Amino acid sequence: MAFGLQDATSDRDTEVMNEINMTPLVDVMLVLLIIFIITVPVMKHAVNVELPTATSQPQSAKPETLQLSVDAQGTYFLNQSRVADGALPQMLQSEAAKSPQPELHIRGDKAVRYEFVAQAMASAQQAGLRKIGFITEPQR
């Protein structure tokens, strides 16, 4: 039974046990679980569709990578060739117009002021380059 006397030999013989018997609740929950396991796959409605067939070639043109280096004095080098002052935005705009658009990898010297790297990033963003990354050396 769900309610009964706790202990007949104790001094409080009239005290009622106030704990719920969990066995019927667990049985009902297991039955509901089994019902849901059986009915859920039946309830799924799949629409049969004939998909078209097409042949596609993987993208063979890999985007090139631009290496923008900034030395300790703030001089820019695009693919190891020195860039004149003020010419970087025009060069980046011409590279951004290519299809597929190249990735820009910025390599900043450890001693360079952040201002020069930030200017290079702003120029790349204004030129429309979407993929910009930083190249660093791993710690030893």
C-alpha atoms as a PDB file:
ATOM      1  CA  MET A   1       0.000   0.000   0.000  1.00  0.00           C
ATOM      2  CA  ALA A   2       1.045   3.591  -0.442  1.00  0.00           C
ATOM      3  CA  PHE A   3       0.345   4.551   3.152  1.00  0.00           C
ATOM      4  CA  GLY A   4       0.757   2.379   6.194  1.00  0.00           C
ATOM      5  CA  LEU A   5       2.162   2.138   9.665  1.00  0.00           C
ATOM      6  CA  GLN A   6       5.893   2.604   9.968  1.00  0.00           C
ATOM      7  CA  ASP A   7       6.805   0.346  12.803  1.00  0.00           C
ATOM      8  CA  ALA A   8       4.427  -1.526  15.050  1.00  0.00           C
ATOM      9  CA  THR A   9       6.908  -1.786  17.914  1.00  0.00           C
ATOM     10  CA  SER A  10       7.813   1.900  18.147  1.00  0.00           C
ATOM     11  CA  ASP A  11       6.371   4.212  20.801  1.00  0.00           C
ATOM     12  CA  ARG A  12       4.441   6.177  18.157  1.00  0.00           C
ATOM     13  CA  ASP A  13       2.163   3.438  16.839  1.00  0.00           C
ATOM     14  CA  THR A  14      -0.369   5.804  15.327  1.00  0.00           C
ATOM     15  CA  GLU A  15       2.059   7.695  13.049  1.00  0.00           C
ATOM     16  CA  VAL A  16       1.290   7.325   9.327  1.00  0.00           C
ATOM     17  CA  MET A  17       4.033   6.787   6.739  1.00  0.00           C
ATOM     18  CA  ASN A  18       4.064   9.821   4.422  1.00  0.00           C
ATOM     19  CA  GLU A  19       6.270   8.588   1.553  1.00  0.00           C
ATOM     20  CA  ILE A  20       4.957   8.019  -1.966  1.00  0.00           C
ATOM     21  CA  ASN A  21       5.419   4.619  -3.521  1.00  0.00           C
ATOM     22  CA  MET A  22       7.371   5.310  -6.742  1.00  0.00           C
ATOM     23  CA  THR A  23       6.939   1.884  -8.372  1.00  0.00           C
ATOM     24  CA  PRO A  24       3.588   2.584 -10.109  1.00  0.00           C
ATOM     25  CA  LEU A  25       4.882   5.947 -11.334  1.00  0.00           C
ATOM     26  CA  VAL A  26       7.979   4.325 -12.830  1.00  0.00           C
ATOM     27  CA  ASP A  27       5.819   1.643 -14.483  1.00  0.00           C
ATOM     28  CA  VAL A  28       3.575   4.253 -16.102  1.00  0.00           C
ATOM     29  CA  MET A  29       6.586   6.251 -17.315  1.00  0.00           C
ATOM     30  CA  LEU A  30       8.174   3.134 -18.860  1.00  0.00           C
ATOM     31  CA  VAL A  31       4.937   2.294 -20.678  1.00  0.00           C
ATOM     32  CA  LEU A  32       4.720   5.866 -22.030  1.00  0.00           C
ATOM     33  CA  LEU A  33       8.361   5.701 -23.121  1.00  0.00           C
ATOM     34  CA  ILE A  34       7.740   2.485 -25.043  1.00  0.00           C
ATOM     35  CA  ILE A  35       4.649   3.980 -26.683  1.00  0.00           C
ATOM     36  CA  PHE A  36       6.622   7.039 -27.813  1.00  0.00           C
ATOM     37  CA  ILE A  37       9.497   4.918 -29.094  1.00  0.00           C
ATOM     38  CA  ILE A  38       7.078   2.928 -31.240  1.00  0.00           C
ATOM     39  CA  THR A  39       4.932   5.815 -32.522  1.00  0.00           C
ATOM     40  CA  VAL A  40       7.568   8.439 -33.383  1.00  0.00           C
ATOM     41  CA  PRO A  41       9.019   6.604 -36.420  1.00  0.00           C
ATOM     42  CA  VAL A  42       5.492   6.003 -37.704  1.00  0.00           C
ATOM     43  CA  MET A  43       4.624   9.706 -37.379  1.00  0.00           C
ATOM     44  CA  LYS A  44       7.525  10.816 -39.562  1.00  0.00           C
ATOM     45  CA  HIS A  45       6.242  11.604 -43.003  1.00  0.00           C
ATOM     46  CA  ALA A  46       8.824  11.379 -45.720  1.00  0.00           C
ATOM     47  CA  VAL A  47       8.093  12.899 -49.092  1.00  0.00           C
ATOM     48  CA  ASN A  48       9.537  10.928 -51.940  1.00  0.00           C
ATOM     49  CA  VAL A  49      11.267  13.328 -54.282  1.00  0.00           C
ATOM     50  CA  GLU A  50      13.250  12.471 -57.362  1.00  0.00           C
ATOM     51  CA  LEU A  51      16.312  14.658 -57.194  1.00  0.00           C
ATOM     52  CA  PRO A  52      17.939  15.814 -60.407  1.00  0.00           C
ATOM     53  CA  THR A  53      21.347  14.532 -61.268  1.00  0.00           C
ATOM     54  CA  ALA A  54      24.159  16.890 -62.127  1.00  0.00           C
ATOM     55  CA  THR A  55      27.846  16.616 -62.606  1.00  0.00           C
ATOM     56  CA  SER A  56      29.984  19.173 -60.919  1.00  0.00           C
ATOM     57  CA  GLN A  57      33.679  19.684 -60.936  1.00  0.00           C
ATOM     58  CA  PRO A  58      35.501  20.683 -57.782  1.00  0.00           C
ATOM     59  CA  GLN A  59      36.885  24.177 -57.728  1.00  0.00           C
ATOM     60  CA  SER A  60      40.235  23.865 -59.419  1.00  0.00           C
ATOM     61  CA  ALA A  61      41.333  27.493 -59.107  1.00  0.00           C
ATOM     62  CA  LYS A  62      42.803  27.892 -55.672  1.00  0.00           C
ATOM     63  CA  PRO A  63      42.977  31.473 -54.452  1.00  0.00           C
ATOM     64  CA  GLU A  64      46.480  32.806 -54.217  1.00  0.00           C
ATOM     65  CA  THR A  65      47.948  34.099 -50.989  1.00  0.00           C
ATOM     66  CA  LEU A  66      49.299  37.601 -50.552  1.00  0.00           C
ATOM     67  CA  GLN A  67      52.107  38.001 -48.050  1.00  0.00           C
ATOM     68  CA  LEU A  68      52.137  41.492 -46.537  1.00  0.00           C
ATOM     69  CA  SER A  69      55.157  41.988 -44.315  1.00  0.00           C
ATOM     70  CA  VAL A  70      55.793  44.979 -42.072  1.00  0.00           C
ATOM     71  CA  ASP A  71      59.363  45.453 -40.847  1.00  0.00           C
ATOM     72  CA  ALA A  72      60.440  47.202 -37.636  1.00  0.00           C
ATOM     73  CA  GLN A  73      60.610  50.625 -39.332  1.00  0.00           C
ATOM     74  CA  GLY A  74      57.050  50.332 -40.707  1.00  0.00           C
ATOM     75  CA  THR A  75      58.005  49.565 -44.313  1.00  0.00           C
ATOM     76  CA  TYR A  76      55.530  47.387 -46.218  1.00  0.00           C
ATOM     77  CA  PHE A  77      56.514  44.457 -48.412  1.00  0.00           C
ATOM     78  CA  LEU A  78      53.903  42.770 -50.608  1.00  0.00           C
ATOM     79  CA  ASN A  79      55.075  39.299 -51.675  1.00  0.00           C
ATOM     80  CA  GLN A  80      58.681  40.219 -50.736  1.00  0.00           C
ATOM     81  CA  SER A  81      58.739  43.337 -52.908  1.00  0.00           C
ATOM     82  CA  ARG A  82      58.885  46.741 -51.262  1.00  0.00           C
ATOM     83  CA  VAL A  83      55.748  48.896 -51.499  1.00  0.00           C
ATOM     84  CA  ALA A  84      56.146  52.662 -51.872  1.00  0.00           C
ATOM     85  CA  ASP A  85      54.503  54.882 -49.262  1.00  0.00           C
ATOM     86  CA  GLY A  86      50.846  55.464 -50.145  1.00  0.00           C
ATOM     87  CA  ALA A  87      50.769  52.784 -52.854  1.00  0.00           C
ATOM     88  CA  LEU A  88      49.517  49.986 -50.590  1.00  0.00           C
ATOM     89  CA  PRO A  89      45.761  50.797 -50.854  1.00  0.00           C
ATOM     90  CA  GLN A  90      45.850  50.818 -54.665  1.00  0.00           C
ATOM     91  CA  MET A  91      47.749  47.526 -54.782  1.00  0.00           C
ATOM     92  CA  LEU A  92      45.305  45.892 -52.366  1.00  0.00           C
ATOM     93  CA  GLN A  93      42.320  47.169 -54.388  1.00  0.00           C
ATOM     94  CA  SER A  94      43.713  45.629 -57.553  1.00  0.00           C
ATOM     95  CA  GLU A  95      44.229  42.321 -55.719  1.00  0.00           C
ATOM     96  CA  ALA A  96      40.717  42.434 -54.206  1.00  0.00           C
ATOM     97  CA  ALA A  97      39.195  42.733 -57.685  1.00  0.00           C
ATOM     98  CA  LYS A  98      40.549  39.312 -58.693  1.00  0.00           C
ATOM     99  CA  SER A  99      38.318  36.259 -58.748  1.00  0.00           C
ATOM    100  CA  PRO A 100      38.733  34.196 -56.611  1.00  0.00           C
ATOM    101  CA  GLN A 101      39.791  36.775 -54.102  1.00  0.00           C
ATOM    102  CA  PRO A 102      43.219  36.103 -52.577  1.00  0.00           C
ATOM    103  CA  GLU A 103      43.871  35.652 -48.880  1.00  0.00           C
ATOM    104  CA  LEU A 104      46.005  38.293 -47.169  1.00  0.00           C
ATOM    105  CA  HIS A 105      48.545  37.069 -44.637  1.00  0.00           C
ATOM    106  CA  ILE A 106      50.051  39.850 -42.537  1.00  0.00           C
ATOM    107  CA  ARG A 107      53.468  39.279 -40.997  1.00  0.00           C
ATOM    108  CA  GLY A 108      54.400  41.993 -38.539  1.00  0.00           C
ATOM    109  CA  ASP A 109      57.847  42.372 -37.031  1.00  0.00           C
ATOM    110  CA  LYS A 110      58.013  41.950 -33.268  1.00  0.00           C
ATOM    111  CA  ALA A 111      59.356  45.490 -32.834  1.00  0.00           C
ATOM    112  CA  VAL A 112      56.962  47.263 -35.227  1.00  0.00           C
ATOM    113  CA  ARG A 113      54.500  49.774 -33.813  1.00  0.00           C
ATOM    114  CA  TYR A 114      50.925  48.576 -33.848  1.00  0.00           C
ATOM    115  CA  GLU A 115      49.957  51.676 -35.820  1.00  0.00           C
ATOM    116  CA  PHE A 116      51.571  50.325 -39.007  1.00  0.00           C
ATOM    117  CA  VAL A 117      49.854  46.936 -38.717  1.00  0.00           C
ATOM    118  CA  ALA A 118      46.509  48.631 -38.011  1.00  0.00           C
ATOM    119  CA  GLN A 119      46.943  50.843 -41.091  1.00  0.00           C
ATOM    120  CA  ALA A 120      47.622  47.771 -43.221  1.00  0.00           C
ATOM    121  CA  MET A 121      44.501  46.047 -41.861  1.00  0.00           C
ATOM    122  CA  ALA A 122      42.378  49.163 -42.490  1.00  0.00           C
ATOM    123  CA  SER A 123      43.704  49.452 -46.048  1.00  0.00           C
ATOM    124  CA  ALA A 124      42.887  45.802 -46.702  1.00  0.00           C
ATOM    125  CA  GLN A 125      39.395  46.194 -45.317  1.00  0.00           C
ATOM    126  CA  GLN A 126      38.736  49.337 -47.356  1.00  0.00           C
ATOM    127  CA  ALA A 127      40.049  47.591 -50.462  1.00  0.00           C
ATOM    128  CA  GLY A 128      37.443  44.854 -49.962  1.00  0.00           C
ATOM    129  CA  LEU A 129      39.627  41.925 -48.956  1.00  0.00           C
ATOM    130  CA  ARG A 130      37.553  39.532 -46.890  1.00  0.00           C
ATOM    131  CA  LYS A 131      40.117  36.953 -45.762  1.00  0.00           C
ATOM    132  CA  ILE A 132      42.829  38.465 -43.587  1.00  0.00           C
ATOM    133  CA  GLY A 133      45.103  36.487 -41.302  1.00  0.00           C
ATOM    134  CA  PHE A 134      48.203  36.938 -39.178  1.00  0.00           C
ATOM    135  CA  ILE A 135      51.352  34.859 -39.421  1.00  0.00           C
ATOM    136  CA  THR A 136      53.330  34.270 -36.223  1.00  0.00           C
ATOM    137  CA  GLU A 137      56.232  32.111 -35.165  1.00  0.00           C
ATOM    138  CA  PRO A 138      55.511  29.273 -32.718  1.00  0.00           C
ATOM    139  CA  GLN A 139      57.011  29.530 -29.246  1.00  0.00           C
ATOM    140  CA  ARG A 140      59.999  27.320 -28.594  1.00  0.00           C
END
